[in-house]
Each structure stands twice: as C-alpha cells, then as structure tokens.
C-alpha atoms as a PDB file:
ATOM      1  CA  MET A   1      39.250  21.466 -49.939  1.00  0.00           C
ATOM      2  CA  MET A   2      41.221  21.516 -46.302  1.00  0.00           C
ATOM      3  CA  ARG A   3      38.832  19.836 -43.400  1.00  0.00           C
ATOM      4  CA  ILE A   4      38.956  21.379 -40.194  1.00  0.00           C
ATOM      5  CA  ASP A   5      39.786  18.847 -37.215  1.00  0.00           C
ATOM      6  CA  PRO A   6      37.979  20.389 -34.247  1.00  0.00           C
ATOM      7  CA  ASP A   7      40.457  18.798 -31.795  1.00  0.00           C
ATOM      8  CA  ARG A   8      43.403  20.142 -33.606  1.00  0.00           C
ATOM      9  CA  VAL A   9      42.164  23.558 -33.671  1.00  0.00           C
ATOM     10  CA  ALA A  10      41.252  23.136 -29.728  1.00  0.00           C
ATOM     11  CA  ARG A  11      44.945  21.935 -29.102  1.00  0.00           C
ATOM     12  CA  ALA A  12      46.053  25.134 -30.876  1.00  0.00           C
ATOM     13  CA  LEU A  13      44.109  27.393 -28.936  1.00  0.00           C
ATOM     14  CA  LEU A  14      45.133  25.860 -25.544  1.00  0.00           C
ATOM     15  CA  ASP A  15      48.812  26.158 -26.843  1.00  0.00           C
ATOM     16  CA  ALA A  16      48.281  29.773 -27.959  1.00  0.00           C
ATOM     17  CA  PRO A  17      49.758  32.313 -25.753  1.00  0.00           C
ATOM     18  CA  GLY A  18      47.783  33.024 -22.901  1.00  0.00           C
ATOM     19  CA  TRP A  19      47.474  36.776 -23.620  1.00  0.00           C
ATOM     20  CA  ALA A  20      46.135  35.845 -26.737  1.00  0.00           C
ATOM     21  CA  ARG A  21      43.075  33.972 -25.077  1.00  0.00           C
ATOM     22  CA  VAL A  22      42.452  36.561 -22.260  1.00  0.00           C
ATOM     23  CA  GLY A  23      43.005  39.133 -24.816  1.00  0.00           C
ATOM     24  CA  LEU A  24      40.186  38.734 -26.992  1.00  0.00           C
ATOM     25  CA  THR A  25      37.971  40.426 -24.097  1.00  0.00           C
ATOM     26  CA  ALA A  26      40.198  42.894 -23.392  1.00  0.00           C
ATOM     27  CA  PRO A  27      38.403  46.314 -23.022  1.00  0.00           C
ATOM     28  CA  THR A  28      40.215  48.038 -26.013  1.00  0.00           C
ATOM     29  CA  GLU A  29      39.776  47.521 -29.748  1.00  0.00           C
ATOM     30  CA  ILE A  30      43.353  47.166 -30.360  1.00  0.00           C
ATOM     31  CA  ILE A  31      44.088  44.678 -27.787  1.00  0.00           C
ATOM     32  CA  ARG A  32      41.246  42.518 -29.340  1.00  0.00           C
ATOM     33  CA  GLU A  33      42.462  43.047 -32.787  1.00  0.00           C
ATOM     34  CA  ALA A  34      46.181  41.761 -31.889  1.00  0.00           C
ATOM     35  CA  ALA A  35      44.845  38.961 -29.693  1.00  0.00           C
ATOM     36  CA  ALA A  36      42.978  37.519 -32.487  1.00  0.00           C
ATOM     37  CA  GLN A  37      45.389  37.717 -35.198  1.00  0.00           C
ATOM     38  CA  GLU A  38      47.850  35.969 -32.799  1.00  0.00           C
ATOM     39  CA  LEU A  39      44.986  33.236 -32.446  1.00  0.00           C
ATOM     40  CA  ALA A  40      44.435  33.119 -36.029  1.00  0.00           C
ATOM     41  CA  LEU A  41      48.267  32.419 -36.771  1.00  0.00           C
ATOM     42  CA  THR A  42      48.401  29.737 -34.283  1.00  0.00           C
ATOM     43  CA  ILE A  43      45.522  27.841 -35.712  1.00  0.00           C
ATOM     44  CA  ALA A  44      47.159  28.560 -39.047  1.00  0.00           C
ATOM     45  CA  ARG A  45      50.347  27.013 -38.112  1.00  0.00           C
ATOM     46  CA  ILE A  46      48.770  23.523 -37.118  1.00  0.00           C
ATOM     47  CA  HIS A  47      48.134  23.346 -40.820  1.00  0.00           C
ATOM     48  CA  GLY A  48      51.493  23.908 -41.834  1.00  0.00           C
ATOM     49  CA  GLU A  49      50.858  27.751 -42.962  1.00  0.00           C
ATOM     50  CA  THR A  50      52.866  30.731 -41.893  1.00  0.00           C
ATOM     51  CA  THR A  51      52.933  34.091 -42.974  1.00  0.00           C
ATOM     52  CA  ALA A  52      56.092  34.873 -44.905  1.00  0.00           C
ATOM     53  CA  ALA A  53      56.183  38.289 -44.681  1.00  0.00           C
ATOM     54  CA  ALA A  54      57.347  39.645 -41.545  1.00  0.00           C
ATOM     55  CA  ASP A  55      55.929  42.639 -39.485  1.00  0.00           C
ATOM     56  CA  ALA A  56      56.875  46.149 -40.810  1.00  0.00           C
ATOM     57  CA  ASP A  57      57.047  47.255 -37.049  1.00  0.00           C
ATOM     58  CA  GLN A  58      59.357  44.438 -36.042  1.00  0.00           C
ATOM     59  CA  LEU A  59      63.074  45.177 -36.100  1.00  0.00           C
ATOM     60  CA  VAL A  60      65.563  42.708 -37.314  1.00  0.00           C
ATOM     61  CA  LEU A  61      67.927  41.776 -35.117  1.00  0.00           C
ATOM     62  CA  ALA A  62      71.613  40.570 -36.536  1.00  0.00           C
ATOM     63  CA  LEU A  63      72.696  37.094 -35.823  1.00  0.00           C
END
C-alpha cells in the first residue's frame, strides 16, 4: 500500500498551475471540475503515475 506524504502533496499543490488552484473556487462547475482534474494529475505525478491515454479533445501536433 502506498503511503501519502503530506509534505510531497503540499509541494505538488504549490507546484500546480495557478489557474487550477484558483479554479477550485470558480463559479462554474466546468471550471471547478477541470481544476480538480489538473490538481489530481499533479498529485499523481509526484508518485510517478501518469495518464497514458491522451485527452480525446487534444490535437496531435506533428514534430
């Protein structure tokens, strides 16, 4: 079982994009949900977890 280190979570929250931190208090549900998702991804990244599946709305850019 994975232990949650409060210091690492706090650091991840502070390192998250500013819009995501502020977005949790947004008046619209869509922005709050997007902000919560971004913060969750940021916290997951501190544990080495990333989402393999790309967002269906994300355009693929040729390199």
